[in-house]
Amino acid sequence: MILIDKVKVSEDPFGANVYEDRRISVDNVLVSPTVSDDVVNSLNLYGKKAVYTLGIPKGDKNSWEDKEVIFFNQRFRVFGKVIEGISDLIPLDWNKKAFVEVIE
């Protein structure tokens, strides 16, 4: 999984920030098709169609909200809040969940 972070590199002559993409490789991210209830809820809450749900591993310190990700040789955008569970109460390696939409 590649997480794309925007890093400010300079300002243009009008004072607007100029950003550059920084690619961060993140291992052990689960990718699953989004269940129909979550698709309907994401459309109602955000007006966006959740295509996949990401399972983010415990201990990951990256910021995922409103970021682009690359997997399956395609770009997606994370939207909405990343949902986090209590690590000690979750038996497996993942404690965060995020929805992604296709970027066209």
PDB file of N, CA and C in Angstrom:
ATOM      1  N   MET A   1       0.858  -1.169   0.000  1.00  0.00           N
ATOM      2  CA  MET A   1       0.000   0.000   0.000  1.00  0.00           C
ATOM      3  C   MET A   1       0.901   1.228   0.000  1.00  0.00           C
ATOM      4  N   ILE A   2       0.590   2.173  -0.852  1.00  0.00           N
ATOM      5  CA  ILE A   2       1.322   3.441  -0.902  1.00  0.00           C
ATOM      6  C   ILE A   2       0.383   4.537  -0.417  1.00  0.00           C
ATOM      7  N   LEU A   3       0.790   5.252   0.614  1.00  0.00           N
ATOM      8  CA  LEU A   3       0.069   6.408   1.134  1.00  0.00           C
ATOM      9  C   LEU A   3       0.752   7.649   0.583  1.00  0.00           C
ATOM     10  N   ILE A   4      -0.015   8.565   0.015  1.00  0.00           N
ATOM     11  CA  ILE A   4       0.558   9.771  -0.576  1.00  0.00           C
ATOM     12  C   ILE A   4       0.292  10.948   0.349  1.00  0.00           C
ATOM     13  N   ASP A   5       1.379  11.545   0.813  1.00  0.00           N
ATOM     14  CA  ASP A   5       1.299  12.706   1.695  1.00  0.00           C
ATOM     15  C   ASP A   5       1.714  13.936   0.908  1.00  0.00           C
ATOM     16  N   LYS A   6       1.056  15.045   1.133  1.00  0.00           N
ATOM     17  CA  LYS A   6       1.393  16.301   0.469  1.00  0.00           C
ATOM     18  C   LYS A   6       2.318  17.086   1.392  1.00  0.00           C
ATOM     19  N   VAL A   7       3.494  17.473   0.859  1.00  0.00           N
ATOM     20  CA  VAL A   7       4.487  18.208   1.634  1.00  0.00           C
ATOM     21  C   VAL A   7       4.684  19.578   0.996  1.00  0.00           C
ATOM     22  N   LYS A   8       4.582  20.632   1.797  1.00  0.00           N
ATOM     23  CA  LYS A   8       4.783  21.989   1.288  1.00  0.00           C
ATOM     24  C   LYS A   8       6.263  22.168   0.932  1.00  0.00           C
ATOM     25  N   VAL A   9       6.524  22.582  -0.316  1.00  0.00           N
ATOM     26  CA  VAL A   9       7.901  22.771  -0.759  1.00  0.00           C
ATOM     27  C   VAL A   9       8.247  24.232  -0.998  1.00  0.00           C
ATOM     28  N   SER A  10       7.241  25.052  -1.285  1.00  0.00           N
ATOM     29  CA  SER A  10       7.506  26.479  -1.531  1.00  0.00           C
ATOM     30  C   SER A  10       6.189  27.221  -1.641  1.00  0.00           C
ATOM     31  N   GLU A  11       6.290  28.476  -2.049  1.00  0.00           N
ATOM     32  CA  GLU A  11       5.117  29.296  -2.335  1.00  0.00           C
ATOM     33  C   GLU A  11       5.261  29.860  -3.738  1.00  0.00           C
ATOM     34  N   ASP A  12       4.128  30.011  -4.421  1.00  0.00           N
ATOM     35  CA  ASP A  12       4.179  30.613  -5.748  1.00  0.00           C
ATOM     36  C   ASP A  12       4.232  32.136  -5.610  1.00  0.00           C
ATOM     37  N   PRO A  13       4.397  32.879  -6.714  1.00  0.00           N
ATOM     38  CA  PRO A  13       4.511  34.351  -6.636  1.00  0.00           C
ATOM     39  C   PRO A  13       3.304  35.050  -6.005  1.00  0.00           C
ATOM     40  N   PHE A  14       2.154  34.368  -5.951  1.00  0.00           N
ATOM     41  CA  PHE A  14       0.961  34.960  -5.356  1.00  0.00           C
ATOM     42  C   PHE A  14       0.770  34.578  -3.888  1.00  0.00           C
ATOM     43  N   GLY A  15       1.712  33.839  -3.339  1.00  0.00           N
ATOM     44  CA  GLY A  15       1.654  33.463  -1.933  1.00  0.00           C
ATOM     45  C   GLY A  15       0.930  32.158  -1.643  1.00  0.00           C
ATOM     46  N   ALA A  16       0.482  31.463  -2.686  1.00  0.00           N
ATOM     47  CA  ALA A  16      -0.183  30.169  -2.477  1.00  0.00           C
ATOM     48  C   ALA A  16       0.867  29.083  -2.271  1.00  0.00           C
ATOM     49  N   ASN A  17       0.564  28.158  -1.400  1.00  0.00           N
ATOM     50  CA  ASN A  17       1.495  27.064  -1.116  1.00  0.00           C
ATOM     51  C   ASN A  17       1.618  26.120  -2.307  1.00  0.00           C
ATOM     52  N   VAL A  18       2.821  25.626  -2.533  1.00  0.00           N
ATOM     53  CA  VAL A  18       3.088  24.624  -3.565  1.00  0.00           C
ATOM     54  C   VAL A  18       3.456  23.328  -2.851  1.00  0.00           C
ATOM     55  N   TYR A  19       2.769  22.248  -3.205  1.00  0.00           N
ATOM     56  CA  TYR A  19       2.967  20.962  -2.532  1.00  0.00           C
ATOM     57  C   TYR A  19       3.581  19.938  -3.481  1.00  0.00           C
ATOM     58  N   GLU A  20       4.270  18.984  -2.880  1.00  0.00           N
ATOM     59  CA  GLU A  20       4.857  17.877  -3.623  1.00  0.00           C
ATOM     60  C   GLU A  20       4.382  16.583  -2.981  1.00  0.00           C
ATOM     61  N   ASP A  21       4.130  15.567  -3.811  1.00  0.00           N
ATOM     62  CA  ASP A  21       3.707  14.267  -3.288  1.00  0.00           C
ATOM     63  C   ASP A  21       4.888  13.527  -2.678  1.00  0.00           C
ATOM     64  N   ARG A  22       4.675  12.967  -1.491  1.00  0.00           N
ATOM     65  CA  ARG A  22       5.662  12.107  -0.861  1.00  0.00           C
ATOM     66  C   ARG A  22       5.005  10.749  -0.671  1.00  0.00           C
ATOM     67  N   ARG A  23       5.608   9.714  -1.227  1.00  0.00           N
ATOM     68  CA  ARG A  23       5.049   8.368  -1.163  1.00  0.00           C
ATOM     69  C   ARG A  23       5.598   7.634   0.058  1.00  0.00           C
ATOM     70  N   ILE A  24       4.664   7.085   0.832  1.00  0.00           N
ATOM     71  CA  ILE A  24       5.014   6.337   2.036  1.00  0.00           C
ATOM     72  C   ILE A  24       4.511   4.913   1.862  1.00  0.00           C
ATOM     73  N   SER A  25       5.404   3.960   1.950  1.00  0.00           N
ATOM     74  CA  SER A  25       5.017   2.555   1.854  1.00  0.00           C
ATOM     75  C   SER A  25       4.545   2.072   3.230  1.00  0.00           C
ATOM     76  N   VAL A  26       3.347   1.500   3.275  1.00  0.00           N
ATOM     77  CA  VAL A  26       2.781   0.991   4.528  1.00  0.00           C
ATOM     78  C   VAL A  26       2.474  -0.489   4.339  1.00  0.00           C
ATOM     79  N   ASP A  27       3.072  -1.320   5.175  1.00  0.00           N
ATOM     80  CA  ASP A  27       2.872  -2.758   5.093  1.00  0.00           C
ATOM     81  C   ASP A  27       1.690  -3.205   5.944  1.00  0.00           C
ATOM     82  N   ASN A  28       1.142  -4.355   5.596  1.00  0.00           N
ATOM     83  CA  ASN A  28       0.134  -5.039   6.394  1.00  0.00           C
ATOM     84  C   ASN A  28      -1.198  -4.288   6.479  1.00  0.00           C
ATOM     85  N   VAL A  29      -1.581  -3.594   5.410  1.00  0.00           N
ATOM     86  CA  VAL A  29      -2.884  -2.932   5.361  1.00  0.00           C
ATOM     87  C   VAL A  29      -3.876  -3.887   4.711  1.00  0.00           C
ATOM     88  N   LEU A  30      -4.997  -4.114   5.372  1.00  0.00           N
ATOM     89  CA  LEU A  30      -6.045  -4.959   4.806  1.00  0.00           C
ATOM     90  C   LEU A  30      -6.899  -4.146   3.844  1.00  0.00           C
ATOM     91  N   VAL A  31      -7.277  -4.750   2.739  1.00  0.00           N
ATOM     92  CA  VAL A  31      -8.168  -4.116   1.770  1.00  0.00           C
ATOM     93  C   VAL A  31      -9.336  -5.066   1.544  1.00  0.00           C
ATOM     94  N   SER A  32     -10.546  -4.574   1.789  1.00  0.00           N
ATOM     95  CA  SER A  32     -11.719  -5.416   1.560  1.00  0.00           C
ATOM     96  C   SER A  32     -12.815  -4.584   0.899  1.00  0.00           C
ATOM     97  N   PRO A  33     -13.649  -5.224   0.086  1.00  0.00           N
ATOM     98  CA  PRO A  33     -14.789  -4.491  -0.484  1.00  0.00           C
ATOM     99  C   PRO A  33     -15.691  -3.995   0.648  1.00  0.00           C
ATOM    100  N   THR A  34     -16.224  -2.811   0.465  1.00  0.00           N
ATOM    101  CA  THR A  34     -17.092  -2.224   1.482  1.00  0.00           C
ATOM    102  C   THR A  34     -18.453  -2.910   1.466  1.00  0.00           C
ATOM    103  N   VAL A  35     -18.976  -3.226   2.641  1.00  0.00           N
ATOM    104  CA  VAL A  35     -20.292  -3.865   2.735  1.00  0.00           C
ATOM    105  C   VAL A  35     -21.385  -2.861   2.366  1.00  0.00           C
ATOM    106  N   SER A  36     -22.517  -3.366   1.901  1.00  0.00           N
ATOM    107  CA  SER A  36     -23.563  -2.502   1.358  1.00  0.00           C
ATOM    108  C   SER A  36     -24.094  -1.483   2.370  1.00  0.00           C
ATOM    109  N   ASP A  37     -24.191  -1.852   3.643  1.00  0.00           N
ATOM    110  CA  ASP A  37     -24.657  -0.897   4.653  1.00  0.00           C
ATOM    111  C   ASP A  37     -23.720   0.293   4.767  1.00  0.00           C
ATOM    112  N   ASP A  38     -22.418   0.036   4.724  1.00  0.00           N
ATOM    113  CA  ASP A  38     -21.445   1.128   4.815  1.00  0.00           C
ATOM    114  C   ASP A  38     -21.447   1.990   3.558  1.00  0.00           C
ATOM    115  N   VAL A  39     -21.740   1.405   2.401  1.00  0.00           N
ATOM    116  CA  VAL A  39     -21.840   2.192   1.161  1.00  0.00           C
ATOM    117  C   VAL A  39     -22.990   3.181   1.284  1.00  0.00           C
ATOM    118  N   VAL A  40     -24.148   2.697   1.738  1.00  0.00           N
ATOM    119  CA  VAL A  40     -25.323   3.564   1.900  1.00  0.00           C
ATOM    120  C   VAL A  40     -25.046   4.648   2.941  1.00  0.00           C
ATOM    121  N   ASN A  41     -24.442   4.270   4.062  1.00  0.00           N
ATOM    122  CA  ASN A  41     -24.137   5.249   5.112  1.00  0.00           C
ATOM    123  C   ASN A  41     -23.152   6.303   4.632  1.00  0.00           C
ATOM    124  N   SER A  42     -22.130   5.911   3.878  1.00  0.00           N
ATOM    125  CA  SER A  42     -21.148   6.892   3.387  1.00  0.00           C
ATOM    126  C   SER A  42     -21.788   7.844   2.394  1.00  0.00           C
ATOM    127  N   LEU A  43     -22.723   7.340   1.567  1.00  0.00           N
ATOM    128  CA  LEU A  43     -23.433   8.220   0.640  1.00  0.00           C
ATOM    129  C   LEU A  43     -24.297   9.217   1.398  1.00  0.00           C
ATOM    130  N   ASN A  44     -24.977   8.752   2.444  1.00  0.00           N
ATOM    131  CA  ASN A  44     -25.834   9.641   3.231  1.00  0.00           C
ATOM    132  C   ASN A  44     -25.029  10.659   4.026  1.00  0.00           C
ATOM    133  N   LEU A  45     -23.907  10.233   4.618  1.00  0.00           N
ATOM    134  CA  LEU A  45     -23.128  11.130   5.475  1.00  0.00           C
ATOM    135  C   LEU A  45     -22.205  12.072   4.703  1.00  0.00           C
ATOM    136  N   TYR A  46     -21.527  11.541   3.677  1.00  0.00           N
ATOM    137  CA  TYR A  46     -20.485  12.301   3.003  1.00  0.00           C
ATOM    138  C   TYR A  46     -20.773  12.610   1.541  1.00  0.00           C
ATOM    139  N   GLY A  47     -21.784  11.960   0.969  1.00  0.00           N
ATOM    140  CA  GLY A  47     -22.053  12.129  -0.455  1.00  0.00           C
ATOM    141  C   GLY A  47     -21.021  11.441  -1.327  1.00  0.00           C
ATOM    142  N   LYS A  48     -20.301  10.492  -0.764  1.00  0.00           N
ATOM    143  CA  LYS A  48     -19.252   9.764  -1.495  1.00  0.00           C
ATOM    144  C   LYS A  48     -19.511   8.273  -1.375  1.00  0.00           C
ATOM    145  N   LYS A  49     -19.151   7.545  -2.425  1.00  0.00           N
ATOM    146  CA  LYS A  49     -19.375   6.103  -2.428  1.00  0.00           C
ATOM    147  C   LYS A  49     -18.123   5.374  -1.974  1.00  0.00           C
ATOM    148  N   ALA A  50     -18.228   4.696  -0.857  1.00  0.00           N
ATOM    149  CA  ALA A  50     -17.114   3.903  -0.341  1.00  0.00           C
ATOM    150  C   ALA A  50     -16.998   2.632  -1.178  1.00  0.00           C
ATOM    151  N   VAL A  51     -15.821   2.429  -1.765  1.00  0.00           N
ATOM    152  CA  VAL A  51     -15.598   1.262  -2.615  1.00  0.00           C
ATOM    153  C   VAL A  51     -14.867   0.164  -1.837  1.00  0.00           C
ATOM    154  N   TYR A  52     -13.852   0.567  -1.082  1.00  0.00           N
ATOM    155  CA  TYR A  52     -13.086  -0.377  -0.269  1.00  0.00           C
ATOM    156  C   TYR A  52     -12.981   0.148   1.154  1.00  0.00           C
ATOM    157  N   THR A  53     -12.779  -0.785   2.070  1.00  0.00           N
ATOM    158  CA  THR A  53     -12.503  -0.452   3.460  1.00  0.00           C
ATOM    159  C   THR A  53     -11.085  -0.904   3.762  1.00  0.00           C
ATOM    160  N   LEU A  54     -10.305  -0.016   4.375  1.00  0.00           N
ATOM    161  CA  LEU A  54      -8.926  -0.330   4.730  1.00  0.00           C
ATOM    162  C   LEU A  54      -8.843  -0.684   6.205  1.00  0.00           C
ATOM    163  N   GLY A  55      -8.106  -1.716   6.518  1.00  0.00           N
ATOM    164  CA  GLY A  55      -7.767  -2.066   7.891  1.00  0.00           C
ATOM    165  C   GLY A  55      -6.338  -1.619   8.129  1.00  0.00           C
ATOM    166  N   ILE A  56      -6.164  -0.635   8.973  1.00  0.00           N
ATOM    167  CA  ILE A  56      -4.845  -0.030   9.211  1.00  0.00           C
ATOM    168  C   ILE A  56      -4.208  -0.696  10.430  1.00  0.00           C
ATOM    169  N   PRO A  57      -2.943  -1.096  10.306  1.00  0.00           N
ATOM    170  CA  PRO A  57      -2.312  -1.856  11.394  1.00  0.00           C
ATOM    171  C   PRO A  57      -2.105  -1.042  12.670  1.00  0.00           C
ATOM    172  N   LYS A  58      -2.094  -1.756  13.769  1.00  0.00           N
ATOM    173  CA  LYS A  58      -1.810  -1.143  15.067  1.00  0.00           C
ATOM    174  C   LYS A  58      -0.424  -0.510  15.029  1.00  0.00           C
ATOM    175  N   GLY A  59      -0.273   0.609  15.681  1.00  0.00           N
ATOM    176  CA  GLY A  59       1.028   1.271  15.770  1.00  0.00           C
ATOM    177  C   GLY A  59       1.353   2.186  14.602  1.00  0.00           C
ATOM    178  N   ASP A  60       0.507   2.209  13.577  1.00  0.00           N
ATOM    179  CA  ASP A  60       0.764   3.090  12.441  1.00  0.00           C
ATOM    180  C   ASP A  60       0.505   4.534  12.863  1.00  0.00           C
ATOM    181  N   LYS A  61       1.484   5.407  12.626  1.00  0.00           N
ATOM    182  CA  LYS A  61       1.392   6.807  13.055  1.00  0.00           C
ATOM    183  C   LYS A  61       1.072   7.771  11.920  1.00  0.00           C
ATOM    184  N   ASN A  62       0.852   7.266  10.707  1.00  0.00           N
ATOM    185  CA  ASN A  62       0.560   8.135   9.570  1.00  0.00           C
ATOM    186  C   ASN A  62      -0.826   8.746   9.683  1.00  0.00           C
ATOM    187  N   SER A  63      -0.983   9.911   9.104  1.00  0.00           N
ATOM    188  CA  SER A  63      -2.283  10.553   9.004  1.00  0.00           C
ATOM    189  C   SER A  63      -2.953  10.047   7.722  1.00  0.00           C
ATOM    190  N   TRP A  64      -4.138   9.482   7.832  1.00  0.00           N
ATOM    191  CA  TRP A  64      -4.817   8.876   6.695  1.00  0.00           C
ATOM    192  C   TRP A  64      -5.986   9.701   6.184  1.00  0.00           C
ATOM    193  N   GLU A  65      -6.498  10.614   6.974  1.00  0.00           N
ATOM    194  CA  GLU A  65      -7.699  11.348   6.588  1.00  0.00           C
ATOM    195  C   GLU A  65      -7.419  12.291   5.422  1.00  0.00           C
ATOM    196  N   ASP A  66      -8.304  12.216   4.407  1.00  0.00           N
ATOM    197  CA  ASP A  66      -8.218  13.038   3.193  1.00  0.00           C
ATOM    198  C   ASP A  66      -6.905  12.849   2.436  1.00  0.00           C
ATOM    199  N   LYS A  67      -6.329  11.666   2.485  1.00  0.00           N
ATOM    200  CA  LYS A  67      -5.091  11.359   1.765  1.00  0.00           C
ATOM    201  C   LYS A  67      -5.408  10.434   0.603  1.00  0.00           C
ATOM    202  N   GLU A  68      -4.514  10.432  -0.362  1.00  0.00           N
ATOM    203  CA  GLU A  68      -4.630   9.493  -1.469  1.00  0.00           C
ATOM    204  C   GLU A  68      -3.816   8.251  -1.155  1.00  0.00           C
ATOM    205  N   VAL A  69      -4.291   7.112  -1.658  1.00  0.00           N
ATOM    206  CA  VAL A  69      -3.582   5.845  -1.512  1.00  0.00           C
ATOM    207  C   VAL A  69      -3.553   5.148  -2.868  1.00  0.00           C
ATOM    208  N   ILE A  70      -2.543   4.316  -3.045  1.00  0.00           N
ATOM    209  CA  ILE A  70      -2.434   3.544  -4.278  1.00  0.00           C
ATOM    210  C   ILE A  70      -2.372   2.062  -3.928  1.00  0.00           C
ATOM    211  N   PHE A  71      -3.282   1.292  -4.522  1.00  0.00           N
ATOM    212  CA  PHE A  71      -3.228  -0.162  -4.462  1.00  0.00           C
ATOM    213  C   PHE A  71      -3.991  -0.684  -5.670  1.00  0.00           C
ATOM    214  N   PHE A  72      -3.716  -1.910  -6.046  1.00  0.00           N
ATOM    215  CA  PHE A  72      -4.287  -2.504  -7.263  1.00  0.00           C
ATOM    216  C   PHE A  72      -3.991  -1.632  -8.489  1.00  0.00           C
ATOM    217  N   ASN A  73      -2.843  -0.937  -8.478  1.00  0.00           N
ATOM    218  CA  ASN A  73      -2.433  -0.040  -9.568  1.00  0.00           C
ATOM    219  C   ASN A  73      -3.471   1.040  -9.871  1.00  0.00           C
ATOM    220  N   GLN A  74      -4.159   1.519  -8.835  1.00  0.00           N
ATOM    221  CA  GLN A  74      -5.171   2.553  -8.989  1.00  0.00           C
ATOM    222  C   GLN A  74      -5.112   3.501  -7.798  1.00  0.00           C
ATOM    223  N   ARG A  75      -5.486   4.766  -8.036  1.00  0.00           N
ATOM    224  CA  ARG A  75      -5.508   5.764  -6.962  1.00  0.00           C
ATOM    225  C   ARG A  75      -6.891   5.851  -6.333  1.00  0.00           C
ATOM    226  N   PHE A  76      -6.889   5.967  -5.016  1.00  0.00           N
ATOM    227  CA  PHE A  76      -8.114   6.134  -4.241  1.00  0.00           C
ATOM    228  C   PHE A  76      -7.893   7.272  -3.256  1.00  0.00           C
ATOM    229  N   ARG A  77      -8.993   7.820  -2.730  1.00  0.00           N
ATOM    230  CA  ARG A  77      -8.903   8.861  -1.702  1.00  0.00           C
ATOM    231  C   ARG A  77      -9.635   8.395  -0.459  1.00  0.00           C
ATOM    232  N   VAL A  78      -8.968   8.535   0.683  1.00  0.00           N
ATOM    233  CA  VAL A  78      -9.578   8.237   1.979  1.00  0.00           C
ATOM    234  C   VAL A  78     -10.512   9.396   2.314  1.00  0.00           C
ATOM    235  N   PHE A  79     -11.711   9.088   2.785  1.00  0.00           N
ATOM    236  CA  PHE A  79     -12.633  10.162   3.174  1.00  0.00           C
ATOM    237  C   PHE A  79     -13.283   9.822   4.501  1.00  0.00           C
ATOM    238  N   GLY A  80     -13.796  10.847   5.143  1.00  0.00           N
ATOM    239  CA  GLY A  80     -14.422  10.667   6.445  1.00  0.00           C
ATOM    240  C   GLY A  80     -13.380  10.472   7.536  1.00  0.00           C
ATOM    241  N   LYS A  81     -13.847  10.230   8.712  1.00  0.00           N
ATOM    242  CA  LYS A  81     -12.966  10.006   9.850  1.00  0.00           C
ATOM    243  C   LYS A  81     -12.436   8.582   9.851  1.00  0.00           C
ATOM    244  N   VAL A  82     -11.188   8.435  10.247  1.00  0.00           N
ATOM    245  CA  VAL A  82     -10.619   7.108  10.455  1.00  0.00           C
ATOM    246  C   VAL A  82     -11.128   6.625  11.805  1.00  0.00           C
ATOM    247  N   ILE A  83     -11.734   5.452  11.811  1.00  0.00           N
ATOM    248  CA  ILE A  83     -12.320   4.898  13.030  1.00  0.00           C
ATOM    249  C   ILE A  83     -11.271   4.041  13.722  1.00  0.00           C
ATOM    250  N   GLU A  84     -11.043   4.325  15.008  1.00  0.00           N
ATOM    251  CA  GLU A  84      -9.999   3.609  15.743  1.00  0.00           C
ATOM    252  C   GLU A  84     -10.594   2.901  16.953  1.00  0.00           C
ATOM    253  N   GLY A  85     -10.184   1.655  17.127  1.00  0.00           N
ATOM    254  CA  GLY A  85     -10.599   0.880  18.290  1.00  0.00           C
ATOM    255  C   GLY A  85      -9.498   0.855  19.333  1.00  0.00           C
ATOM    256  N   ILE A  86      -9.797   0.337  20.495  1.00  0.00           N
ATOM    257  CA  ILE A  86      -8.818   0.233  21.581  1.00  0.00           C
ATOM    258  C   ILE A  86      -7.916  -0.962  21.288  1.00  0.00           C
ATOM    259  N   SER A  87      -6.643  -0.695  21.074  1.00  0.00           N
ATOM    260  CA  SER A  87      -5.685  -1.723  20.634  1.00  0.00           C
ATOM    261  C   SER A  87      -5.656  -2.944  21.542  1.00  0.00           C
ATOM    262  N   ASP A  88      -5.674  -2.723  22.848  1.00  0.00           N
ATOM    263  CA  ASP A  88      -5.562  -3.835  23.790  1.00  0.00           C
ATOM    264  C   ASP A  88      -6.782  -4.763  23.768  1.00  0.00           C
ATOM    265  N   LEU A  89      -7.907  -4.270  23.280  1.00  0.00           N
ATOM    266  CA  LEU A  89      -9.131  -5.068  23.265  1.00  0.00           C
ATOM    267  C   LEU A  89      -9.381  -5.747  21.921  1.00  0.00           C
ATOM    268  N   ILE A  90      -8.525  -5.477  20.942  1.00  0.00           N
ATOM    269  CA  ILE A  90      -8.677  -6.062  19.610  1.00  0.00           C
ATOM    270  C   ILE A  90      -7.587  -7.113  19.429  1.00  0.00           C
ATOM    271  N   PRO A  91      -7.956  -8.359  19.168  1.00  0.00           N
ATOM    272  CA  PRO A  91      -6.968  -9.440  19.173  1.00  0.00           C
ATOM    273  C   PRO A  91      -6.025  -9.489  17.973  1.00  0.00           C
ATOM    274  N   LEU A  92      -6.388  -8.938  16.850  1.00  0.00           N
ATOM    275  CA  LEU A  92      -5.557  -9.066  15.654  1.00  0.00           C
ATOM    276  C   LEU A  92      -4.630  -7.863  15.481  1.00  0.00           C
ATOM    277  N   ASP A  93      -4.065  -7.708  14.279  1.00  0.00           N
ATOM    278  CA  ASP A  93      -3.045  -6.680  14.036  1.00  0.00           C
ATOM    279  C   ASP A  93      -3.599  -5.323  13.614  1.00  0.00           C
ATOM    280  N   TRP A  94      -4.910  -5.175  13.466  1.00  0.00           N
ATOM    281  CA  TRP A  94      -5.471  -3.935  12.925  1.00  0.00           C
ATOM    282  C   TRP A  94      -6.462  -3.337  13.908  1.00  0.00           C
ATOM    283  N   ASN A  95      -6.365  -2.013  14.104  1.00  0.00           N
ATOM    284  CA  ASN A  95      -7.297  -1.366  15.037  1.00  0.00           C
ATOM    285  C   ASN A  95      -7.921  -0.094  14.466  1.00  0.00           C
ATOM    286  N   LYS A  96      -7.650   0.201  13.190  1.00  0.00           N
ATOM    287  CA  LYS A  96      -8.243   1.381  12.556  1.00  0.00           C
ATOM    288  C   LYS A  96      -8.918   0.959  11.266  1.00  0.00           C
ATOM    289  N   LYS A  97      -9.968   1.719  10.904  1.00  0.00           N
ATOM    290  CA  LYS A  97     -10.717   1.433   9.691  1.00  0.00           C
ATOM    291  C   LYS A  97     -10.954   2.743   8.951  1.00  0.00           C
ATOM    292  N   ALA A  98     -10.763   2.697   7.625  1.00  0.00           N
ATOM    293  CA  ALA A  98     -10.983   3.884   6.798  1.00  0.00           C
ATOM    294  C   ALA A  98     -11.671   3.484   5.502  1.00  0.00           C
ATOM    295  N   PHE A  99     -12.494   4.378   4.975  1.00  0.00           N
ATOM    296  CA  PHE A  99     -13.163   4.146   3.698  1.00  0.00           C
ATOM    297  C   PHE A  99     -12.432   4.897   2.600  1.00  0.00           C
ATOM    298  N   VAL A 100     -12.428   4.297   1.385  1.00  0.00           N
ATOM    299  CA  VAL A 100     -11.824   4.976   0.240  1.00  0.00           C
ATOM    300  C   VAL A 100     -12.805   5.022  -0.923  1.00  0.00           C
ATOM    301  N   GLU A 101     -12.670   6.076  -1.738  1.00  0.00           N
ATOM    302  CA  GLU A 101     -13.434   6.220  -2.970  1.00  0.00           C
ATOM    303  C   GLU A 101     -12.470   6.233  -4.141  1.00  0.00           C
ATOM    304  N   VAL A 102     -12.967   5.919  -5.321  1.00  0.00           N
ATOM    305  CA  VAL A 102     -12.147   5.937  -6.522  1.00  0.00           C
ATOM    306  C   VAL A 102     -11.930   7.376  -6.961  1.00  0.00           C
ATOM    307  N   ILE A 103     -10.711   7.699  -7.363  1.00  0.00           N
ATOM    308  CA  ILE A 103     -10.408   9.005  -7.924  1.00  0.00           C
ATOM    309  C   ILE A 103     -10.492   8.871  -9.437  1.00  0.00           C
ATOM    310  N   GLU A 104     -11.301   9.693 -10.060  1.00  0.00           N
ATOM    311  CA  GLU A 104     -11.425   9.597 -11.516  1.00  0.00           C
ATOM    312  C   GLU A 104     -10.771  10.749 -12.213  1.00  0.00           C
TER     313      GLU A 104
END
